PDB file of N, CA and C in Angstrom:
ATOM      1  N   UNK A   1     119.436  74.556 120.706  1.00  0.00           N
ATOM      2  CA  UNK A   1     120.468  74.750 119.715  1.00  0.00           C
ATOM      3  C   UNK A   1     119.889  75.458 118.496  1.00  0.00           C
ATOM      4  N   UNK A   2     120.753  76.130 117.783  1.00  0.00           N
ATOM      5  CA  UNK A   2     120.360  76.850 116.579  1.00  0.00           C
ATOM      6  C   UNK A   2     120.733  76.025 115.360  1.00  0.00           C
ATOM      7  N   UNK A   3     119.834  75.982 114.390  1.00  0.00           N
ATOM      8  CA  UNK A   3     120.106  75.277 113.144  1.00  0.00           C
ATOM      9  C   UNK A   3     120.990  76.110 112.245  1.00  0.00           C
ATOM     10  N   UNK A   4     121.385  75.521 111.164  1.00  0.00           N
ATOM     11  CA  UNK A   4     122.191  76.216 110.179  1.00  0.00           C
ATOM     12  C   UNK A   4     121.340  77.268 109.479  1.00  0.00           C
ATOM     13  N   UNK A   5     121.934  78.400 109.125  1.00  0.00           N
ATOM     14  CA  UNK A   5     121.173  79.419 108.390  1.00  0.00           C
ATOM     15  C   UNK A   5     120.745  78.873 107.029  1.00  0.00           C
ATOM     16  N   UNK A   6     119.569  79.315 106.582  1.00  0.00           N
ATOM     17  CA  UNK A   6     119.026  78.831 105.319  1.00  0.00           C
ATOM     18  C   UNK A   6     119.404  79.710 104.140  1.00  0.00           C
ATOM     19  N   UNK A   7     119.926  80.879 104.417  1.00  0.00           N
ATOM     20  CA  UNK A   7     120.272  81.789 103.329  1.00  0.00           C
ATOM     21  C   UNK A   7     121.572  82.500 103.666  1.00  0.00           C
ATOM     22  N   UNK A   8     122.283  82.832 102.642  1.00  0.00           N
ATOM     23  CA  UNK A   8     123.503  83.606 102.804  1.00  0.00           C
ATOM     24  C   UNK A   8     123.170  85.033 102.396  1.00  0.00           C
ATOM     25  N   UNK A   9     123.511  85.972 103.266  1.00  0.00           N
ATOM     26  CA  UNK A   9     123.250  87.372 102.960  1.00  0.00           C
ATOM     27  C   UNK A   9     124.565  88.131 102.933  1.00  0.00           C
ATOM     28  N   UNK A  10     124.543  89.250 102.236  1.00  0.00           N
ATOM     29  CA  UNK A  10     125.751  90.059 102.171  1.00  0.00           C
ATOM     30  C   UNK A  10     125.950  90.771 103.508  1.00  0.00           C
ATOM     31  N   UNK A  11     127.148  91.212 103.725  1.00  0.00           N
ATOM     32  CA  UNK A  11     127.457  91.958 104.948  1.00  0.00           C
ATOM     33  C   UNK A  11     126.613  93.227 105.015  1.00  0.00           C
ATOM     34  N   UNK A  12     126.400  93.873 103.876  1.00  0.00           N
ATOM     35  CA  UNK A  12     125.582  95.088 103.842  1.00  0.00           C
ATOM     36  C   UNK A  12     124.159  94.789 104.294  1.00  0.00           C
ATOM     37  N   UNK A  13     123.605  93.669 103.837  1.00  0.00           N
ATOM     38  CA  UNK A  13     122.257  93.285 104.255  1.00  0.00           C
ATOM     39  C   UNK A  13     122.224  92.943 105.735  1.00  0.00           C
ATOM     40  N   UNK A  14     123.228  92.219 106.210  1.00  0.00           N
ATOM     41  CA  UNK A  14     123.285  91.850 107.621  1.00  0.00           C
ATOM     42  C   UNK A  14     123.303  93.086 108.495  1.00  0.00           C
ATOM     43  N   UNK A  15     124.117  94.059 108.111  1.00  0.00           N
ATOM     44  CA  UNK A  15     124.221  95.306 108.887  1.00  0.00           C
ATOM     45  C   UNK A  15     122.899  96.061 108.853  1.00  0.00           C
ATOM     46  N   UNK A  16     122.255  96.120 107.682  1.00  0.00           N
ATOM     47  CA  UNK A  16     120.981  96.832 107.567  1.00  0.00           C
ATOM     48  C   UNK A  16     119.901  96.161 108.406  1.00  0.00           C
ATOM     49  N   UNK A  17     119.842  94.841 108.372  1.00  0.00           N
ATOM     50  CA  UNK A  17     118.846  94.116 109.161  1.00  0.00           C
ATOM     51  C   UNK A  17     119.096  94.302 110.645  1.00  0.00           C
ATOM     52  N   UNK A  18     120.351  94.203 111.062  1.00  0.00           N
ATOM     53  CA  UNK A  18     120.666  94.396 112.481  1.00  0.00           C
ATOM     54  C   UNK A  18     120.330  95.816 112.918  1.00  0.00           C
ATOM     55  N   UNK A  19     120.610  96.780 112.073  1.00  0.00           N
ATOM     56  CA  UNK A  19     120.276  98.170 112.373  1.00  0.00           C
ATOM     57  C   UNK A  19     118.768  98.349 112.517  1.00  0.00           C
ATOM     58  N   UNK A  20     117.997  97.730 111.623  1.00  0.00           N
ATOM     59  CA  UNK A  20     116.540  97.813 111.697  1.00  0.00           C
ATOM     60  C   UNK A  20     116.028  97.185 112.991  1.00  0.00           C
ATOM     61  N   UNK A  21     116.594  96.054 113.371  1.00  0.00           N
ATOM     62  CA  UNK A  21     116.202  95.404 114.629  1.00  0.00           C
ATOM     63  C   UNK A  21     116.514  96.310 115.808  1.00  0.00           C
ATOM     64  N   UNK A  22     117.713  96.883 115.815  1.00  0.00           N
ATOM     65  CA  UNK A  22     118.105  97.770 116.914  1.00  0.00           C
ATOM     66  C   UNK A  22     117.179  98.974 117.016  1.00  0.00           C
ATOM     67  N   UNK A  23     116.821  99.556 115.871  1.00  0.00           N
ATOM     68  CA  UNK A  23     115.924 100.713 115.869  1.00  0.00           C
ATOM     69  C   UNK A  23     114.533 100.335 116.361  1.00  0.00           C
ATOM     70  N   UNK A  24     114.043  99.186 115.924  1.00  0.00           N
ATOM     71  CA  UNK A  24     112.721  98.732 116.366  1.00  0.00           C
ATOM     72  C   UNK A  24     112.714  98.492 117.875  1.00  0.00           C
ATOM     73  N   UNK A  25     113.774  97.904 118.383  1.00  0.00           N
ATOM     74  CA  UNK A  25     113.867  97.671 119.827  1.00  0.00           C
ATOM     75  C   UNK A  25     113.943  98.989 120.591  1.00  0.00           C
ATOM     76  N   UNK A  26     114.662  99.955 120.038  1.00  0.00           N
ATOM     77  CA  UNK A  26     114.746 101.281 120.656  1.00  0.00           C
ATOM     78  C   UNK A  26     113.357 101.914 120.722  1.00  0.00           C
ATOM     79  N   UNK A  27     112.605 101.809 119.632  1.00  0.00           N
ATOM     80  CA  UNK A  27     111.248 102.343 119.615  1.00  0.00           C
ATOM     81  C   UNK A  27     110.362 101.660 120.637  1.00  0.00           C
ATOM     82  N   UNK A  28     110.487 100.348 120.739  1.00  0.00           N
ATOM     83  CA  UNK A  28     109.707  99.597 121.715  1.00  0.00           C
ATOM     84  C   UNK A  28     110.059 100.020 123.138  1.00  0.00           C
ATOM     85  N   UNK A  29     111.339 100.168 123.406  1.00  0.00           N
ATOM     86  CA  UNK A  29     111.774 100.621 124.735  1.00  0.00           C
ATOM     87  C   UNK A  29     111.203 101.992 125.062  1.00  0.00           C
ATOM     88  N   UNK A  30     111.199 102.888 124.074  1.00  0.00           N
ATOM     89  CA  UNK A  30     110.631 104.218 124.299  1.00  0.00           C
ATOM     90  C   UNK A  30     109.138 104.141 124.597  1.00  0.00           C
ATOM     91  N   UNK A  31     108.419 103.291 123.868  1.00  0.00           N
ATOM     92  CA  UNK A  31     106.983 103.134 124.116  1.00  0.00           C
ATOM     93  C   UNK A  31     106.713 102.592 125.510  1.00  0.00           C
ATOM     94  N   UNK A  32     107.582 101.727 125.977  1.00  0.00           N
ATOM     95  CA  UNK A  32     107.402 101.125 127.305  1.00  0.00           C
ATOM     96  C   UNK A  32     107.569 102.140 128.434  1.00  0.00           C
ATOM     97  N   UNK A  33     108.173 103.288 128.142  1.00  0.00           N
ATOM     98  CA  UNK A  33     108.312 104.300 129.195  1.00  0.00           C
ATOM     99  C   UNK A  33     106.948 104.868 129.578  1.00  0.00           C
ATOM    100  N   UNK A  34     105.983 104.753 128.661  1.00  0.00           N
ATOM    101  CA  UNK A  34     104.648 105.254 128.937  1.00  0.00           C
ATOM    102  C   UNK A  34     104.513 106.752 128.801  1.00  0.00           C
ATOM    103  N   UNK A  35     105.556 107.415 128.385  1.00  0.00           N
ATOM    104  CA  UNK A  35     105.517 108.868 128.217  1.00  0.00           C
ATOM    105  C   UNK A  35     104.854 109.201 126.891  1.00  0.00           C
ATOM    106  N   UNK A  36     103.905 110.106 126.926  1.00  0.00           N
ATOM    107  CA  UNK A  36     103.194 110.495 125.726  1.00  0.00           C
ATOM    108  C   UNK A  36     104.015 111.323 124.769  1.00  0.00           C
ATOM    109  N   UNK A  37     105.084 111.951 125.267  1.00  0.00           N
ATOM    110  CA  UNK A  37     105.872 112.834 124.412  1.00  0.00           C
ATOM    111  C   UNK A  37     106.875 112.099 123.526  1.00  0.00           C
ATOM    112  N   UNK A  38     106.901 110.770 123.588  1.00  0.00           N
ATOM    113  CA  UNK A  38     107.868 110.014 122.783  1.00  0.00           C
ATOM    114  C   UNK A  38     107.273 109.509 121.469  1.00  0.00           C
ATOM    115  N   UNK A  39     105.996 109.779 121.236  1.00  0.00           N
ATOM    116  CA  UNK A  39     105.333 109.225 120.055  1.00  0.00           C
ATOM    117  C   UNK A  39     106.029 109.663 118.767  1.00  0.00           C
ATOM    118  N   UNK A  40     106.377 110.927 118.646  1.00  0.00           N
ATOM    119  CA  UNK A  40     107.041 111.414 117.440  1.00  0.00           C
ATOM    120  C   UNK A  40     108.416 110.773 117.286  1.00  0.00           C
ATOM    121  N   UNK A  41     109.127 110.628 118.375  1.00  0.00           N
ATOM    122  CA  UNK A  41     110.450 109.999 118.330  1.00  0.00           C
ATOM    123  C   UNK A  41     110.314 108.545 117.901  1.00  0.00           C
ATOM    124  N   UNK A  42     109.324 107.848 118.456  1.00  0.00           N
ATOM    125  CA  UNK A  42     109.103 106.449 118.096  1.00  0.00           C
ATOM    126  C   UNK A  42     108.739 106.336 116.616  1.00  0.00           C
ATOM    127  N   UNK A  43     107.886 107.222 116.133  1.00  0.00           N
ATOM    128  CA  UNK A  43     107.497 107.192 114.717  1.00  0.00           C
ATOM    129  C   UNK A  43     108.719 107.365 113.825  1.00  0.00           C
ATOM    130  N   UNK A  44     109.596 108.277 114.171  1.00  0.00           N
ATOM    131  CA  UNK A  44     110.812 108.486 113.372  1.00  0.00           C
ATOM    132  C   UNK A  44     111.742 107.282 113.457  1.00  0.00           C
ATOM    133  N   UNK A  45     111.813 106.669 114.628  1.00  0.00           N
ATOM    134  CA  UNK A  45     112.659 105.487 114.803  1.00  0.00           C
ATOM    135  C   UNK A  45     112.136 104.326 113.967  1.00  0.00           C
ATOM    136  N   UNK A  46     110.818 104.125 113.974  1.00  0.00           N
ATOM    137  CA  UNK A  46     110.220 103.056 113.178  1.00  0.00           C
ATOM    138  C   UNK A  46     110.400 103.342 111.694  1.00  0.00           C
ATOM    139  N   UNK A  47     110.246 104.597 111.290  1.00  0.00           N
ATOM    140  CA  UNK A  47     110.452 104.958 109.884  1.00  0.00           C
ATOM    141  C   UNK A  47     111.880 104.631 109.464  1.00  0.00           C
ATOM    142  N   UNK A  48     112.841 104.944 110.312  1.00  0.00           N
ATOM    143  CA  UNK A  48     114.241 104.642 109.999  1.00  0.00           C
ATOM    144  C   UNK A  48     114.464 103.135 109.896  1.00  0.00           C
ATOM    145  N   UNK A  49     113.828 102.369 110.770  1.00  0.00           N
ATOM    146  CA  UNK A  49     113.950 100.911 110.715  1.00  0.00           C
ATOM    147  C   UNK A  49     113.384 100.380 109.403  1.00  0.00           C
ATOM    148  N   UNK A  50     112.240 100.912 108.992  1.00  0.00           N
ATOM    149  CA  UNK A  50     111.635 100.490 107.726  1.00  0.00           C
ATOM    150  C   UNK A  50     112.507 100.860 106.537  1.00  0.00           C
ATOM    151  N   UNK A  51     113.153 102.022 106.596  1.00  0.00           N
ATOM    152  CA  UNK A  51     114.054 102.415 105.515  1.00  0.00           C
ATOM    153  C   UNK A  51     115.244 101.465 105.433  1.00  0.00           C
ATOM    154  N   UNK A  52     115.750 101.038 106.591  1.00  0.00           N
ATOM    155  CA  UNK A  52     116.857 100.073 106.595  1.00  0.00           C
ATOM    156  C   UNK A  52     116.430  98.771 105.939  1.00  0.00           C
ATOM    157  N   UNK A  53     115.235  98.290 106.275  1.00  0.00           N
ATOM    158  CA  UNK A  53     114.733  97.065 105.656  1.00  0.00           C
ATOM    159  C   UNK A  53     114.491  97.275 104.163  1.00  0.00           C
ATOM    160  N   UNK A  54     114.089  98.471 103.795  1.00  0.00           N
ATOM    161  CA  UNK A  54     113.874  98.788 102.384  1.00  0.00           C
ATOM    162  C   UNK A  54     115.145  98.700 101.569  1.00  0.00           C
ATOM    163  N   UNK A  55     116.289  98.961 102.194  1.00  0.00           N
ATOM    164  CA  UNK A  55     117.555  98.826 101.463  1.00  0.00           C
ATOM    165  C   UNK A  55     117.849  97.364 101.166  1.00  0.00           C
ATOM    166  N   UNK A  56     117.306  96.454 101.974  1.00  0.00           N
ATOM    167  CA  UNK A  56     117.499  95.022 101.746  1.00  0.00           C
ATOM    168  C   UNK A  56     116.518  94.513 100.696  1.00  0.00           C
ATOM    169  N   UNK A  57     115.275  94.975 100.772  1.00  0.00           N
ATOM    170  CA  UNK A  57     114.238  94.481  99.867  1.00  0.00           C
ATOM    171  C   UNK A  57     114.244  95.192  98.527  1.00  0.00           C
ATOM    172  N   UNK A  58     114.981  96.303  98.419  1.00  0.00           N
ATOM    173  CA  UNK A  58     115.029  97.052  97.176  1.00  0.00           C
ATOM    174  C   UNK A  58     113.984  98.142  97.083  1.00  0.00           C
ATOM    175  N   UNK A  59     113.270  98.388  98.168  1.00  0.00           N
ATOM    176  CA  UNK A  59     112.247  99.434  98.167  1.00  0.00           C
ATOM    177  C   UNK A  59     112.800 100.808  98.522  1.00  0.00           C
ATOM    178  N   UNK A  60     114.017 100.862  99.020  1.00  0.00           N
ATOM    179  CA  UNK A  60     114.667 102.120  99.377  1.00  0.00           C
ATOM    180  C   UNK A  60     116.071 102.094  98.786  1.00  0.00           C
ATOM    181  N   UNK A  61     116.435 103.179  98.160  1.00  0.00           N
ATOM    182  CA  UNK A  61     117.760 103.264  97.555  1.00  0.00           C
ATOM    183  C   UNK A  61     118.499 104.449  98.148  1.00  0.00           C
ATOM    184  N   UNK A  62     119.667 104.197  98.690  1.00  0.00           N
ATOM    185  CA  UNK A  62     120.477 105.281  99.229  1.00  0.00           C
ATOM    186  C   UNK A  62     121.516 105.692  98.188  1.00  0.00           C
ATOM    187  N   UNK A  63     122.008 106.898  98.319  1.00  0.00           N
ATOM    188  CA  UNK A  63     123.075 107.358  97.425  1.00  0.00           C
ATOM    189  C   UNK A  63     124.293 106.459  97.557  1.00  0.00           C
ATOM    190  N   UNK A  64     124.569 105.997  98.779  1.00  0.00           N
ATOM    191  CA  UNK A  64     125.711 105.115  99.011  1.00  0.00           C
ATOM    192  C   UNK A  64     125.554 103.813  98.226  1.00  0.00           C
ATOM    193  N   UNK A  65     124.343 103.243  98.233  1.00  0.00           N
ATOM    194  CA  UNK A  65     124.098 102.010  97.495  1.00  0.00           C
ATOM    195  C   UNK A  65     124.280 102.227  95.997  1.00  0.00           C
ATOM    196  N   UNK A  66     123.699 103.298  95.473  1.00  0.00           N
ATOM    197  CA  UNK A  66     123.819 103.571  94.045  1.00  0.00           C
ATOM    198  C   UNK A  66     125.268 103.822  93.649  1.00  0.00           C
ATOM    199  N   UNK A  67     126.001 104.568  94.469  1.00  0.00           N
ATOM    200  CA  UNK A  67     127.426 104.790  94.204  1.00  0.00           C
ATOM    201  C   UNK A  67     128.184 103.469  94.191  1.00  0.00           C
ATOM    202  N   UNK A  68     127.838 102.579  95.125  1.00  0.00           N
ATOM    203  CA  UNK A  68     128.493 101.278  95.211  1.00  0.00           C
ATOM    204  C   UNK A  68     128.217 100.446  93.959  1.00  0.00           C
ATOM    205  N   UNK A  69     126.987 100.469  93.486  1.00  0.00           N
ATOM    206  CA  UNK A  69     126.648  99.726  92.274  1.00  0.00           C
ATOM    207  C   UNK A  69     127.430 100.264  91.081  1.00  0.00           C
ATOM    208  N   UNK A  70     127.437 101.597  90.928  1.00  0.00           N
ATOM    209  CA  UNK A  70     128.162 102.183  89.804  1.00  0.00           C
ATOM    210  C   UNK A  70     129.659 101.903  89.903  1.00  0.00           C
ATOM    211  N   UNK A  71     130.185 101.935  91.108  1.00  0.00           N
ATOM    212  CA  UNK A  71     131.621 101.699  91.292  1.00  0.00           C
ATOM    213  C   UNK A  71     131.981 100.245  90.981  1.00  0.00           C
ATOM    214  N   UNK A  72     131.201  99.298  91.515  1.00  0.00           N
ATOM    215  CA  UNK A  72     131.533  97.879  91.360  1.00  0.00           C
ATOM    216  C   UNK A  72     131.237  97.342  89.971  1.00  0.00           C
ATOM    217  N   UNK A  73     130.169  97.806  89.352  1.00  0.00           N
ATOM    218  CA  UNK A  73     129.741  97.195  88.111  1.00  0.00           C
ATOM    219  C   UNK A  73     129.909  98.094  86.897  1.00  0.00           C
ATOM    220  N   UNK A  74     130.403  99.302  87.101  1.00  0.00           N
ATOM    221  CA  UNK A  74     130.698 100.212  86.000  1.00  0.00           C
ATOM    222  C   UNK A  74     129.502 100.396  85.076  1.00  0.00           C
ATOM    223  N   UNK A  75     128.316 100.522  85.639  1.00  0.00           N
ATOM    224  CA  UNK A  75     127.108 100.715  84.834  1.00  0.00           C
ATOM    225  C   UNK A  75     127.174 102.069  84.160  1.00  0.00           C
ATOM    226  N   UNK A  76     126.859 102.115  82.895  1.00  0.00           N
ATOM    227  CA  UNK A  76     126.814 103.371  82.169  1.00  0.00           C
ATOM    228  C   UNK A  76     128.140 103.816  81.572  1.00  0.00           C
ATOM    229  N   UNK A  77     129.175 103.028  81.748  1.00  0.00           N
ATOM    230  CA  UNK A  77     130.472 103.396  81.180  1.00  0.00           C
ATOM    231  C   UNK A  77     130.673 102.744  79.844  1.00  0.00           C
TER     232      UNK A  77
END
């Protein structure tokens, strides 16, 4: 059985984390093919996964996130 979650996250964070997991799994699947020509694709996939996690941790800022902050909180008005 699964216990109760210990933290509440926003839908945006949930989507970003799930996307990062999906990308990491995709990279792992590509590596498992054993083909040497997938290394660049895997590197880009892992980079994208890290960027998704960065949107959760605050290490990566997207234009969409900044627009959302300005729209919701009227910063600078």
